[in-house]
Amino acid sequence: MSAPGRSTVAPRPSASPTRDRLLYAARGLIEEGGYAAASVAAITGRAGLAAGTLYRHFRSKEDLFVEVFRTVCDREVEAMVQAAQAGRGSHSERLETVLSTFAERALRRPRLAWALLAEPVDPLVDAERLAYRSRYAELIAGLLSAAVAAEELPEQDEALTAAALVGACGEALVGPLSALQRPGPSTGLRIQALRTFVRRAVGAVDCAAGA
């Protein structure tokens, strides 16, 4: 895991090393100070390039932000898929594991997670945010469907429940991720509370009580 405040994860290789340097620099600045810290001058300065170089590889700074957002969120989706595949126990337990993985990764790098989840952004980036929320919800809906089919959970509208879970978990993290948040419960206690919420929201508690 990278040290707090500085990204050490390089972008995926592309056909242009200069483009990669711009993406890497932008990600580092966003992780340290959010989108506001990632001005064109700051990005190109960190990349060791002339200011005009950015516009030879991206139509605008916002287009560069979209690419950074996609790269980071692709990794988050991959981490959740891996958690689902590696998880042990019932389908409903794997559902808890996936959502707790989402929360743990966010709380580990709060400034970057705030930029991904809640920071006011350009409409282009906000559209990507909505697209990735849909991808998260699709993964959750698949786990819900498997749990319902295995009679671990009561029948429900899996797509609606999944969207609600993704939205609720993201909203629950906004406060802890905010720089204005006062110290609160430990990460472990937050994750435990989140898992309890997920069990109750999907009906796992009611299902167990009726068994």
N, C-alpha and C. Protein backbone atom coordinates (compact mmCIF):
# COMPACT_ATOMS: atom_id res chain seq x y z
N MET A 1 0.85 -1.19 0.00
CA MET A 1 0.00 0.00 0.00
C MET A 1 0.88 1.23 0.00
N SER A 2 0.50 2.25 -0.74
CA SER A 2 1.29 3.46 -0.85
C SER A 2 1.29 4.21 0.46
N ALA A 3 2.30 5.02 0.67
CA ALA A 3 2.35 5.87 1.84
C ALA A 3 1.26 6.91 1.77
N PRO A 4 0.73 7.34 2.93
CA PRO A 4 -0.36 8.31 2.91
C PRO A 4 0.05 9.58 2.17
N GLY A 5 -0.85 10.05 1.33
CA GLY A 5 -0.64 11.34 0.68
C GLY A 5 0.14 11.30 -0.61
N ARG A 6 0.62 10.14 -1.03
CA ARG A 6 1.39 10.12 -2.27
C ARG A 6 1.17 8.79 -2.98
N SER A 7 0.71 8.86 -4.23
CA SER A 7 0.46 7.64 -4.98
C SER A 7 1.76 7.07 -5.50
N THR A 8 1.94 5.76 -5.37
CA THR A 8 3.11 5.09 -5.93
C THR A 8 2.69 4.07 -6.98
N VAL A 9 1.41 4.08 -7.34
CA VAL A 9 0.91 3.13 -8.32
C VAL A 9 0.93 3.78 -9.70
N ALA A 10 1.74 3.28 -10.58
CA ALA A 10 1.86 3.85 -11.91
C ALA A 10 0.65 3.49 -12.75
N PRO A 11 0.27 4.35 -13.71
CA PRO A 11 -0.85 4.01 -14.58
C PRO A 11 -0.50 2.84 -15.48
N ARG A 12 -1.52 2.20 -16.01
CA ARG A 12 -1.29 1.10 -16.92
C ARG A 12 -0.57 1.61 -18.17
N PRO A 13 0.38 0.85 -18.67
CA PRO A 13 1.14 1.31 -19.84
C PRO A 13 0.25 1.60 -21.03
N SER A 14 0.58 2.67 -21.75
CA SER A 14 -0.14 3.00 -22.97
C SER A 14 0.88 3.18 -24.08
N ALA A 15 0.39 3.61 -25.24
CA ALA A 15 1.29 3.79 -26.37
C ALA A 15 2.15 5.03 -26.21
N SER A 16 1.82 5.89 -25.23
CA SER A 16 2.53 7.15 -25.06
C SER A 16 3.08 7.28 -23.65
N PRO A 17 4.40 7.19 -23.46
CA PRO A 17 4.98 7.39 -22.14
C PRO A 17 4.67 8.78 -21.57
N THR A 18 4.60 9.79 -22.44
CA THR A 18 4.30 11.14 -21.96
C THR A 18 2.88 11.21 -21.42
N ARG A 19 1.95 10.57 -22.10
CA ARG A 19 0.57 10.52 -21.61
C ARG A 19 0.52 9.84 -20.24
N ASP A 20 1.27 8.76 -20.09
CA ASP A 20 1.31 8.06 -18.81
C ASP A 20 1.87 8.95 -17.70
N ARG A 21 2.89 9.74 -18.02
CA ARG A 21 3.46 10.64 -17.02
C ARG A 21 2.44 11.67 -16.56
N LEU A 22 1.64 12.16 -17.49
CA LEU A 22 0.60 13.12 -17.13
C LEU A 22 -0.46 12.48 -16.24
N LEU A 23 -0.87 11.26 -16.59
CA LEU A 23 -1.87 10.55 -15.79
C LEU A 23 -1.34 10.25 -14.39
N TYR A 24 -0.10 9.82 -14.31
CA TYR A 24 0.51 9.49 -13.03
C TYR A 24 0.62 10.74 -12.15
N ALA A 25 1.04 11.84 -12.75
CA ALA A 25 1.16 13.10 -12.01
C ALA A 25 -0.20 13.59 -11.52
N ALA A 26 -1.20 13.51 -12.39
CA ALA A 26 -2.54 13.95 -12.01
C ALA A 26 -3.10 13.10 -10.88
N ARG A 27 -2.92 11.81 -10.98
CA ARG A 27 -3.42 10.94 -9.91
C ARG A 27 -2.76 11.27 -8.58
N GLY A 28 -1.46 11.48 -8.58
CA GLY A 28 -0.76 11.82 -7.34
C GLY A 28 -1.28 13.10 -6.72
N LEU A 29 -1.51 14.11 -7.55
CA LEU A 29 -2.02 15.39 -7.04
C LEU A 29 -3.44 15.25 -6.50
N ILE A 30 -4.27 14.48 -7.20
CA ILE A 30 -5.65 14.27 -6.74
C ILE A 30 -5.65 13.52 -5.42
N GLU A 31 -4.78 12.54 -5.29
CA GLU A 31 -4.73 11.77 -4.06
C GLU A 31 -4.25 12.62 -2.89
N GLU A 32 -3.42 13.61 -3.17
CA GLU A 32 -2.91 14.47 -2.11
C GLU A 32 -3.86 15.60 -1.74
N GLY A 33 -4.51 16.19 -2.75
CA GLY A 33 -5.29 17.38 -2.45
C GLY A 33 -6.60 17.52 -3.20
N GLY A 34 -7.02 16.45 -3.87
CA GLY A 34 -8.27 16.51 -4.61
C GLY A 34 -8.10 17.16 -5.98
N TYR A 35 -9.22 17.27 -6.69
CA TYR A 35 -9.17 17.81 -8.04
C TYR A 35 -8.70 19.25 -8.07
N ALA A 36 -9.02 20.01 -7.03
CA ALA A 36 -8.62 21.42 -7.00
C ALA A 36 -7.10 21.58 -7.00
N ALA A 37 -6.40 20.59 -6.46
CA ALA A 37 -4.94 20.66 -6.41
C ALA A 37 -4.29 20.30 -7.74
N ALA A 38 -5.07 19.73 -8.64
CA ALA A 38 -4.52 19.23 -9.91
C ALA A 38 -4.75 20.22 -11.04
N SER A 39 -4.11 21.38 -10.94
CA SER A 39 -4.18 22.35 -12.02
C SER A 39 -3.28 21.89 -13.17
N VAL A 40 -3.47 22.49 -14.33
CA VAL A 40 -2.63 22.12 -15.48
C VAL A 40 -1.17 22.37 -15.16
N ALA A 41 -0.88 23.52 -14.53
CA ALA A 41 0.51 23.85 -14.20
C ALA A 41 1.09 22.84 -13.21
N ALA A 42 0.28 22.44 -12.21
CA ALA A 42 0.77 21.49 -11.21
C ALA A 42 1.01 20.11 -11.83
N ILE A 43 0.09 19.69 -12.71
CA ILE A 43 0.23 18.38 -13.35
C ILE A 43 1.48 18.32 -14.23
N THR A 44 1.61 19.30 -15.11
CA THR A 44 2.75 19.28 -16.02
C THR A 44 4.06 19.53 -15.28
N GLY A 45 3.99 20.36 -14.22
CA GLY A 45 5.19 20.59 -13.42
C GLY A 45 5.67 19.31 -12.75
N ARG A 46 4.74 18.56 -12.16
CA ARG A 46 5.14 17.31 -11.52
C ARG A 46 5.63 16.30 -12.54
N ALA A 47 5.04 16.32 -13.73
CA ALA A 47 5.46 15.38 -14.78
C ALA A 47 6.75 15.82 -15.45
N GLY A 48 7.22 17.03 -15.14
CA GLY A 48 8.44 17.53 -15.75
C GLY A 48 8.27 17.89 -17.22
N LEU A 49 7.08 18.42 -17.55
CA LEU A 49 6.75 18.75 -18.94
C LEU A 49 6.32 20.20 -19.06
N ALA A 50 6.36 20.71 -20.27
CA ALA A 50 5.87 22.06 -20.53
C ALA A 50 4.35 22.08 -20.38
N ALA A 51 3.80 23.23 -19.98
CA ALA A 51 2.37 23.33 -19.69
C ALA A 51 1.50 22.94 -20.88
N GLY A 52 1.92 23.32 -22.08
CA GLY A 52 1.10 23.02 -23.25
C GLY A 52 1.08 21.55 -23.65
N THR A 53 1.96 20.74 -23.03
CA THR A 53 2.04 19.33 -23.40
C THR A 53 0.74 18.60 -23.12
N LEU A 54 0.05 18.98 -22.05
CA LEU A 54 -1.18 18.30 -21.67
C LEU A 54 -2.18 18.30 -22.81
N TYR A 55 -2.29 19.43 -23.52
CA TYR A 55 -3.30 19.56 -24.56
C TYR A 55 -2.93 18.86 -25.86
N ARG A 56 -1.73 18.33 -25.92
CA ARG A 56 -1.36 17.50 -27.08
C ARG A 56 -1.77 16.04 -26.85
N HIS A 57 -2.15 15.71 -25.63
CA HIS A 57 -2.53 14.32 -25.31
C HIS A 57 -3.96 14.21 -24.81
N PHE A 58 -4.54 15.30 -24.36
CA PHE A 58 -5.91 15.32 -23.88
C PHE A 58 -6.59 16.59 -24.38
N ARG A 59 -7.88 16.48 -24.71
CA ARG A 59 -8.59 17.66 -25.20
C ARG A 59 -8.71 18.73 -24.13
N SER A 60 -8.75 18.31 -22.87
CA SER A 60 -8.90 19.25 -21.77
C SER A 60 -8.41 18.59 -20.49
N LYS A 61 -8.29 19.40 -19.46
CA LYS A 61 -7.93 18.83 -18.15
C LYS A 61 -9.01 17.87 -17.67
N GLU A 62 -10.26 18.19 -17.99
CA GLU A 62 -11.37 17.32 -17.57
C GLU A 62 -11.28 15.94 -18.22
N ASP A 63 -10.85 15.89 -19.48
CA ASP A 63 -10.67 14.61 -20.14
C ASP A 63 -9.57 13.79 -19.45
N LEU A 64 -8.53 14.47 -19.02
CA LEU A 64 -7.48 13.79 -18.27
C LEU A 64 -8.04 13.25 -16.96
N PHE A 65 -8.84 14.04 -16.26
CA PHE A 65 -9.45 13.59 -15.01
C PHE A 65 -10.33 12.35 -15.23
N VAL A 66 -11.06 12.33 -16.33
CA VAL A 66 -11.90 11.17 -16.65
C VAL A 66 -11.03 9.92 -16.78
N GLU A 67 -9.89 10.06 -17.45
CA GLU A 67 -9.00 8.91 -17.63
C GLU A 67 -8.43 8.44 -16.29
N VAL A 68 -8.05 9.38 -15.45
CA VAL A 68 -7.57 9.03 -14.11
C VAL A 68 -8.66 8.30 -13.34
N PHE A 69 -9.87 8.84 -13.39
CA PHE A 69 -11.01 8.25 -12.68
C PHE A 69 -11.24 6.82 -13.15
N ARG A 70 -11.21 6.61 -14.45
CA ARG A 70 -11.43 5.27 -15.00
C ARG A 70 -10.36 4.30 -14.53
N THR A 71 -9.11 4.73 -14.55
CA THR A 71 -8.00 3.86 -14.16
C THR A 71 -8.14 3.44 -12.70
N VAL A 72 -8.42 4.41 -11.83
CA VAL A 72 -8.53 4.10 -10.40
C VAL A 72 -9.75 3.22 -10.14
N CYS A 73 -10.88 3.56 -10.73
CA CYS A 73 -12.10 2.81 -10.47
C CYS A 73 -12.05 1.40 -11.06
N ASP A 74 -11.36 1.24 -12.18
CA ASP A 74 -11.18 -0.12 -12.73
C ASP A 74 -10.48 -1.01 -11.70
N ARG A 75 -9.50 -0.45 -11.03
CA ARG A 75 -8.79 -1.22 -10.01
C ARG A 75 -9.70 -1.53 -8.82
N GLU A 76 -10.56 -0.58 -8.46
CA GLU A 76 -11.47 -0.82 -7.35
C GLU A 76 -12.48 -1.91 -7.70
N VAL A 77 -12.99 -1.87 -8.92
CA VAL A 77 -13.92 -2.91 -9.36
C VAL A 77 -13.22 -4.27 -9.35
N GLU A 78 -11.98 -4.32 -9.84
CA GLU A 78 -11.23 -5.57 -9.85
C GLU A 78 -11.05 -6.11 -8.44
N ALA A 79 -10.77 -5.22 -7.49
CA ALA A 79 -10.59 -5.64 -6.10
C ALA A 79 -11.87 -6.23 -5.53
N MET A 80 -13.01 -5.65 -5.88
CA MET A 80 -14.28 -6.17 -5.40
C MET A 80 -14.62 -7.51 -6.05
N VAL A 81 -14.32 -7.65 -7.33
CA VAL A 81 -14.54 -8.93 -8.02
C VAL A 81 -13.68 -10.02 -7.40
N GLN A 82 -12.42 -9.69 -7.13
CA GLN A 82 -11.52 -10.66 -6.51
C GLN A 82 -12.01 -11.05 -5.12
N ALA A 83 -12.53 -10.07 -4.38
CA ALA A 83 -13.07 -10.36 -3.04
C ALA A 83 -14.26 -11.30 -3.14
N ALA A 84 -15.10 -11.09 -4.17
CA ALA A 84 -16.26 -11.96 -4.37
C ALA A 84 -15.83 -13.38 -4.72
N GLN A 85 -14.81 -13.50 -5.55
CA GLN A 85 -14.36 -14.81 -6.01
C GLN A 85 -13.57 -15.56 -4.93
N ALA A 86 -12.84 -14.80 -4.10
CA ALA A 86 -12.01 -15.43 -3.08
C ALA A 86 -12.75 -15.65 -1.78
N GLY A 87 -13.90 -15.02 -1.63
CA GLY A 87 -14.64 -15.10 -0.39
C GLY A 87 -15.11 -16.51 -0.06
N ARG A 88 -15.10 -16.83 1.21
CA ARG A 88 -15.56 -18.13 1.67
C ARG A 88 -16.93 -17.96 2.34
N GLY A 89 -17.57 -19.10 2.57
CA GLY A 89 -18.85 -19.04 3.24
C GLY A 89 -20.00 -18.92 2.25
N SER A 90 -21.12 -18.46 2.76
CA SER A 90 -22.34 -18.36 1.96
C SER A 90 -22.27 -17.21 0.98
N HIS A 91 -23.24 -17.17 0.07
CA HIS A 91 -23.32 -16.06 -0.88
C HIS A 91 -23.55 -14.75 -0.14
N SER A 92 -24.38 -14.76 0.89
CA SER A 92 -24.64 -13.53 1.63
C SER A 92 -23.41 -13.07 2.39
N GLU A 93 -22.59 -14.01 2.87
CA GLU A 93 -21.35 -13.63 3.53
C GLU A 93 -20.37 -13.02 2.54
N ARG A 94 -20.34 -13.54 1.32
CA ARG A 94 -19.47 -12.95 0.29
C ARG A 94 -19.95 -11.55 -0.06
N LEU A 95 -21.26 -11.34 -0.03
CA LEU A 95 -21.80 -10.00 -0.26
C LEU A 95 -21.27 -9.02 0.78
N GLU A 96 -21.29 -9.42 2.03
CA GLU A 96 -20.74 -8.58 3.10
C GLU A 96 -19.25 -8.30 2.86
N THR A 97 -18.53 -9.34 2.44
CA THR A 97 -17.10 -9.20 2.22
C THR A 97 -16.81 -8.20 1.11
N VAL A 98 -17.58 -8.24 0.04
CA VAL A 98 -17.36 -7.32 -1.08
C VAL A 98 -17.59 -5.88 -0.64
N LEU A 99 -18.68 -5.63 0.06
CA LEU A 99 -18.98 -4.26 0.47
C LEU A 99 -18.01 -3.78 1.55
N SER A 100 -17.58 -4.67 2.43
CA SER A 100 -16.60 -4.25 3.43
C SER A 100 -15.23 -4.00 2.78
N THR A 101 -14.91 -4.75 1.71
CA THR A 101 -13.69 -4.49 0.96
C THR A 101 -13.72 -3.09 0.35
N PHE A 102 -14.87 -2.75 -0.22
CA PHE A 102 -15.06 -1.40 -0.79
C PHE A 102 -14.79 -0.34 0.28
N ALA A 103 -15.35 -0.53 1.47
CA ALA A 103 -15.21 0.46 2.54
C ALA A 103 -13.78 0.49 3.09
N GLU A 104 -13.18 -0.67 3.28
CA GLU A 104 -11.82 -0.72 3.82
C GLU A 104 -10.83 -0.01 2.90
N ARG A 105 -10.96 -0.24 1.60
CA ARG A 105 -10.05 0.40 0.65
C ARG A 105 -10.25 1.91 0.64
N ALA A 106 -11.50 2.34 0.77
CA ALA A 106 -11.77 3.78 0.81
C ALA A 106 -11.17 4.42 2.06
N LEU A 107 -11.36 3.80 3.20
CA LEU A 107 -10.87 4.37 4.46
C LEU A 107 -9.35 4.32 4.55
N ARG A 108 -8.73 3.44 3.78
CA ARG A 108 -7.27 3.35 3.77
C ARG A 108 -6.65 4.56 3.06
N ARG A 109 -7.35 5.08 2.05
CA ARG A 109 -6.84 6.25 1.31
C ARG A 109 -7.97 7.27 1.21
N PRO A 110 -8.26 7.94 2.30
CA PRO A 110 -9.46 8.77 2.38
C PRO A 110 -9.49 9.93 1.39
N ARG A 111 -8.35 10.55 1.11
CA ARG A 111 -8.39 11.72 0.21
C ARG A 111 -8.74 11.30 -1.20
N LEU A 112 -8.16 10.20 -1.66
CA LEU A 112 -8.48 9.71 -2.99
C LEU A 112 -9.93 9.23 -3.05
N ALA A 113 -10.36 8.53 -2.02
CA ALA A 113 -11.74 8.03 -1.98
C ALA A 113 -12.74 9.18 -1.98
N TRP A 114 -12.42 10.25 -1.27
CA TRP A 114 -13.30 11.43 -1.27
C TRP A 114 -13.44 11.99 -2.68
N ALA A 115 -12.33 12.06 -3.40
CA ALA A 115 -12.36 12.55 -4.77
C ALA A 115 -13.22 11.65 -5.65
N LEU A 116 -13.16 10.35 -5.43
CA LEU A 116 -13.92 9.41 -6.25
C LEU A 116 -15.40 9.43 -5.91
N LEU A 117 -15.73 9.59 -4.63
CA LEU A 117 -17.11 9.42 -4.17
C LEU A 117 -17.91 10.70 -4.06
N ALA A 118 -17.27 11.78 -3.60
CA ALA A 118 -18.08 12.90 -3.14
C ALA A 118 -17.62 14.29 -3.57
N GLU A 119 -16.39 14.45 -3.96
CA GLU A 119 -15.90 15.79 -4.28
C GLU A 119 -16.64 16.36 -5.50
N PRO A 120 -17.09 17.62 -5.43
CA PRO A 120 -17.72 18.24 -6.62
C PRO A 120 -16.77 18.18 -7.81
N VAL A 121 -17.31 17.75 -8.95
CA VAL A 121 -16.47 17.53 -10.12
C VAL A 121 -17.15 18.05 -11.38
N ASP A 122 -16.38 18.11 -12.44
CA ASP A 122 -16.90 18.47 -13.75
C ASP A 122 -17.94 17.44 -14.20
N PRO A 123 -18.95 17.85 -14.99
CA PRO A 123 -19.97 16.89 -15.45
C PRO A 123 -19.41 15.66 -16.15
N LEU A 124 -18.29 15.80 -16.86
CA LEU A 124 -17.70 14.64 -17.53
C LEU A 124 -17.26 13.59 -16.51
N VAL A 125 -16.64 14.04 -15.43
CA VAL A 125 -16.19 13.12 -14.40
C VAL A 125 -17.39 12.57 -13.63
N ASP A 126 -18.38 13.41 -13.40
CA ASP A 126 -19.57 12.96 -12.68
C ASP A 126 -20.30 11.86 -13.45
N ALA A 127 -20.29 11.95 -14.77
CA ALA A 127 -20.90 10.90 -15.59
C ALA A 127 -20.17 9.57 -15.40
N GLU A 128 -18.84 9.62 -15.30
CA GLU A 128 -18.06 8.41 -15.04
C GLU A 128 -18.38 7.86 -13.65
N ARG A 129 -18.55 8.75 -12.70
CA ARG A 129 -18.91 8.33 -11.34
C ARG A 129 -20.20 7.52 -11.36
N LEU A 130 -21.19 7.99 -12.08
CA LEU A 130 -22.47 7.28 -12.18
C LEU A 130 -22.30 5.93 -12.87
N ALA A 131 -21.47 5.90 -13.91
CA ALA A 131 -21.25 4.65 -14.64
C ALA A 131 -20.61 3.60 -13.74
N TYR A 132 -19.66 4.01 -12.90
CA TYR A 132 -19.01 3.04 -12.04
C TYR A 132 -19.90 2.61 -10.88
N ARG A 133 -20.77 3.49 -10.42
CA ARG A 133 -21.74 3.08 -9.41
C ARG A 133 -22.63 1.97 -9.99
N SER A 134 -22.95 2.09 -11.27
CA SER A 134 -23.76 1.05 -11.91
C SER A 134 -23.00 -0.28 -11.98
N ARG A 135 -21.69 -0.22 -12.23
CA ARG A 135 -20.89 -1.44 -12.28
C ARG A 135 -20.83 -2.09 -10.90
N TYR A 136 -20.64 -1.29 -9.86
CA TYR A 136 -20.65 -1.83 -8.50
C TYR A 136 -21.98 -2.50 -8.21
N ALA A 137 -23.07 -1.80 -8.59
CA ALA A 137 -24.41 -2.33 -8.32
C ALA A 137 -24.66 -3.64 -9.06
N GLU A 138 -24.15 -3.76 -10.28
CA GLU A 138 -24.32 -5.01 -11.03
C GLU A 138 -23.63 -6.17 -10.33
N LEU A 139 -22.45 -5.92 -9.80
CA LEU A 139 -21.73 -6.97 -9.07
C LEU A 139 -22.52 -7.38 -7.83
N ILE A 140 -23.02 -6.41 -7.09
CA ILE A 140 -23.79 -6.69 -5.88
C ILE A 140 -25.08 -7.43 -6.23
N ALA A 141 -25.74 -7.01 -7.30
CA ALA A 141 -26.99 -7.66 -7.71
C ALA A 141 -26.75 -9.13 -8.05
N GLY A 142 -25.63 -9.44 -8.66
CA GLY A 142 -25.31 -10.82 -8.98
C GLY A 142 -25.15 -11.68 -7.73
N LEU A 143 -24.49 -11.12 -6.72
CA LEU A 143 -24.33 -11.84 -5.46
C LEU A 143 -25.67 -12.01 -4.75
N LEU A 144 -26.50 -10.99 -4.81
CA LEU A 144 -27.83 -11.08 -4.21
C LEU A 144 -28.66 -12.17 -4.89
N SER A 145 -28.62 -12.21 -6.21
CA SER A 145 -29.39 -13.21 -6.95
C SER A 145 -28.96 -14.62 -6.56
N ALA A 146 -27.65 -14.83 -6.41
CA ALA A 146 -27.15 -16.15 -6.02
C ALA A 146 -27.61 -16.50 -4.61
N ALA A 147 -27.61 -15.52 -3.71
CA ALA A 147 -28.03 -15.77 -2.34
C ALA A 147 -29.52 -16.08 -2.26
N VAL A 148 -30.32 -15.37 -3.06
CA VAL A 148 -31.76 -15.63 -3.09
C VAL A 148 -32.03 -17.01 -3.67
N ALA A 149 -31.33 -17.36 -4.74
CA ALA A 149 -31.52 -18.67 -5.37
C ALA A 149 -31.15 -19.80 -4.42
N ALA A 150 -30.16 -19.55 -3.55
CA ALA A 150 -29.73 -20.56 -2.58
C ALA A 150 -30.60 -20.53 -1.33
N GLU A 151 -31.62 -19.69 -1.33
CA GLU A 151 -32.55 -19.54 -0.20
C GLU A 151 -31.85 -19.06 1.07
N GLU A 152 -30.76 -18.32 0.87
CA GLU A 152 -30.08 -17.70 2.01
C GLU A 152 -30.74 -16.36 2.36
N LEU A 153 -31.39 -15.75 1.37
CA LEU A 153 -32.04 -14.46 1.56
C LEU A 153 -33.47 -14.53 1.03
N PRO A 154 -34.36 -13.70 1.55
CA PRO A 154 -35.73 -13.68 1.02
C PRO A 154 -35.76 -13.10 -0.38
N GLU A 155 -36.77 -13.41 -1.14
CA GLU A 155 -36.92 -12.85 -2.48
C GLU A 155 -37.03 -11.33 -2.39
N GLN A 156 -36.46 -10.67 -3.37
CA GLN A 156 -36.45 -9.20 -3.39
C GLN A 156 -36.08 -8.73 -4.78
N ASP A 157 -36.21 -7.43 -5.00
CA ASP A 157 -35.76 -6.83 -6.25
C ASP A 157 -34.25 -6.62 -6.13
N GLU A 158 -33.48 -7.57 -6.69
CA GLU A 158 -32.03 -7.53 -6.48
C GLU A 158 -31.39 -6.25 -7.02
N ALA A 159 -31.86 -5.78 -8.18
CA ALA A 159 -31.27 -4.58 -8.77
C ALA A 159 -31.51 -3.36 -7.88
N LEU A 160 -32.73 -3.25 -7.35
CA LEU A 160 -33.04 -2.12 -6.48
C LEU A 160 -32.24 -2.21 -5.18
N THR A 161 -32.21 -3.40 -4.57
CA THR A 161 -31.46 -3.56 -3.32
C THR A 161 -29.99 -3.25 -3.54
N ALA A 162 -29.43 -3.73 -4.65
CA ALA A 162 -28.02 -3.50 -4.95
C ALA A 162 -27.71 -2.02 -5.09
N ALA A 163 -28.56 -1.30 -5.83
CA ALA A 163 -28.36 0.14 -6.00
C ALA A 163 -28.45 0.85 -4.66
N ALA A 164 -29.40 0.43 -3.82
CA ALA A 164 -29.56 1.05 -2.51
C ALA A 164 -28.34 0.78 -1.62
N LEU A 165 -27.80 -0.44 -1.68
CA LEU A 165 -26.63 -0.76 -0.88
C LEU A 165 -25.41 0.06 -1.29
N VAL A 166 -25.18 0.16 -2.60
CA VAL A 166 -24.04 0.94 -3.08
C VAL A 166 -24.20 2.40 -2.66
N GLY A 167 -25.40 2.94 -2.83
CA GLY A 167 -25.63 4.33 -2.43
C GLY A 167 -25.48 4.54 -0.95
N ALA A 168 -26.03 3.63 -0.15
CA ALA A 168 -25.97 3.77 1.30
C ALA A 168 -24.54 3.63 1.82
N CYS A 169 -23.79 2.68 1.28
CA CYS A 169 -22.41 2.50 1.72
C CYS A 169 -21.55 3.70 1.35
N GLY A 170 -21.76 4.23 0.15
CA GLY A 170 -21.03 5.43 -0.24
C GLY A 170 -21.37 6.60 0.65
N GLU A 171 -22.65 6.78 0.95
CA GLU A 171 -23.08 7.88 1.82
C GLU A 171 -22.53 7.71 3.23
N ALA A 172 -22.49 6.48 3.72
CA ALA A 172 -21.97 6.23 5.07
C ALA A 172 -20.48 6.58 5.17
N LEU A 173 -19.78 6.52 4.05
CA LEU A 173 -18.34 6.81 4.05
C LEU A 173 -18.03 8.29 3.88
N VAL A 174 -18.98 9.07 3.40
CA VAL A 174 -18.72 10.48 3.11
C VAL A 174 -18.22 11.21 4.34
N GLY A 175 -18.89 11.02 5.48
CA GLY A 175 -18.47 11.70 6.71
C GLY A 175 -17.07 11.31 7.13
N PRO A 176 -16.80 10.01 7.30
CA PRO A 176 -15.45 9.61 7.71
C PRO A 176 -14.34 10.03 6.75
N LEU A 177 -14.67 10.14 5.46
CA LEU A 177 -13.65 10.51 4.48
C LEU A 177 -13.40 12.01 4.43
N SER A 178 -14.34 12.80 4.91
CA SER A 178 -14.23 14.25 4.84
C SER A 178 -13.10 14.76 5.73
N ALA A 179 -12.39 15.75 5.22
CA ALA A 179 -11.31 16.36 6.01
C ALA A 179 -11.86 17.11 7.21
N LEU A 180 -13.15 17.43 7.20
CA LEU A 180 -13.77 18.16 8.29
C LEU A 180 -14.31 17.25 9.38
N GLN A 181 -14.28 15.95 9.15
CA GLN A 181 -14.84 15.00 10.10
C GLN A 181 -13.99 14.93 11.36
N ARG A 182 -14.62 14.98 12.51
CA ARG A 182 -13.91 14.80 13.77
C ARG A 182 -13.59 13.32 13.96
N PRO A 183 -12.55 13.03 14.76
CA PRO A 183 -12.21 11.62 15.00
C PRO A 183 -13.42 10.85 15.53
N GLY A 184 -13.62 9.65 15.02
CA GLY A 184 -14.77 8.84 15.42
C GLY A 184 -14.35 7.41 15.66
N PRO A 185 -15.26 6.48 15.47
CA PRO A 185 -14.93 5.06 15.68
C PRO A 185 -13.77 4.61 14.81
N SER A 186 -13.09 3.57 15.24
CA SER A 186 -11.99 3.01 14.46
C SER A 186 -12.51 2.41 13.18
N THR A 187 -11.58 2.19 12.25
CA THR A 187 -11.96 1.56 10.98
C THR A 187 -12.61 0.20 11.23
N GLY A 188 -12.07 -0.56 12.16
CA GLY A 188 -12.63 -1.87 12.45
C GLY A 188 -14.07 -1.81 12.91
N LEU A 189 -14.38 -0.85 13.77
CA LEU A 189 -15.75 -0.71 14.25
C LEU A 189 -16.68 -0.23 13.14
N ARG A 190 -16.18 0.64 12.28
CA ARG A 190 -17.00 1.10 11.15
C ARG A 190 -17.32 -0.06 10.22
N ILE A 191 -16.34 -0.89 9.94
CA ILE A 191 -16.55 -2.03 9.04
C ILE A 191 -17.53 -3.01 9.67
N GLN A 192 -17.38 -3.25 10.96
CA GLN A 192 -18.30 -4.15 11.65
C GLN A 192 -19.73 -3.62 11.58
N ALA A 193 -19.91 -2.33 11.79
CA ALA A 193 -21.24 -1.73 11.71
C ALA A 193 -21.80 -1.82 10.30
N LEU A 194 -20.93 -1.63 9.31
CA LEU A 194 -21.37 -1.72 7.92
C LEU A 194 -21.84 -3.13 7.59
N ARG A 195 -21.12 -4.13 8.04
CA ARG A 195 -21.52 -5.51 7.78
C ARG A 195 -22.87 -5.82 8.43
N THR A 196 -23.08 -5.30 9.63
CA THR A 196 -24.37 -5.50 10.30
C THR A 196 -25.49 -4.85 9.51
N PHE A 197 -25.22 -3.64 9.01
CA PHE A 197 -26.22 -2.94 8.20
C PHE A 197 -26.56 -3.74 6.95
N VAL A 198 -25.54 -4.27 6.28
CA VAL A 198 -25.77 -5.04 5.05
C VAL A 198 -26.64 -6.26 5.35
N ARG A 199 -26.32 -6.99 6.41
CA ARG A 199 -27.12 -8.17 6.75
C ARG A 199 -28.59 -7.81 6.97
N ARG A 200 -28.81 -6.72 7.67
CA ARG A 200 -30.18 -6.32 7.94
C ARG A 200 -30.88 -5.81 6.68
N ALA A 201 -30.14 -5.08 5.86
CA ALA A 201 -30.74 -4.49 4.67
C ALA A 201 -31.19 -5.53 3.65
N VAL A 202 -30.44 -6.64 3.56
CA VAL A 202 -30.78 -7.66 2.57
C VAL A 202 -31.72 -8.74 3.13
N GLY A 203 -31.99 -8.66 4.42
CA GLY A 203 -32.90 -9.63 5.01
C GLY A 203 -32.23 -10.88 5.57
N ALA A 204 -30.90 -10.85 5.70
CA ALA A 204 -30.20 -12.03 6.21
C ALA A 204 -30.57 -12.30 7.66
N VAL A 205 -30.77 -11.25 8.43
CA VAL A 205 -31.13 -11.42 9.84
C VAL A 205 -32.50 -12.05 9.96
N ASP A 206 -33.48 -11.56 9.20
CA ASP A 206 -34.83 -12.10 9.25
C ASP A 206 -34.85 -13.56 8.78
N CYS A 207 -34.06 -13.82 7.73
CA CYS A 207 -34.02 -15.17 7.17
C CYS A 207 -33.45 -16.16 8.20
N ALA A 208 -32.39 -15.73 8.92
CA ALA A 208 -31.78 -16.59 9.92
C ALA A 208 -32.74 -16.82 11.09
N ALA A 209 -33.48 -15.78 11.45
CA ALA A 209 -34.40 -15.90 12.57
C ALA A 209 -35.54 -16.86 12.28
N GLY A 210 -35.91 -16.92 10.99
CA GLY A 210 -37.03 -17.78 10.60
C GLY A 210 -36.62 -19.20 10.29
N ALA A 211 -35.31 -19.44 10.28
CA ALA A 211 -34.83 -20.78 9.91
C ALA A 211 -35.10 -21.79 11.03
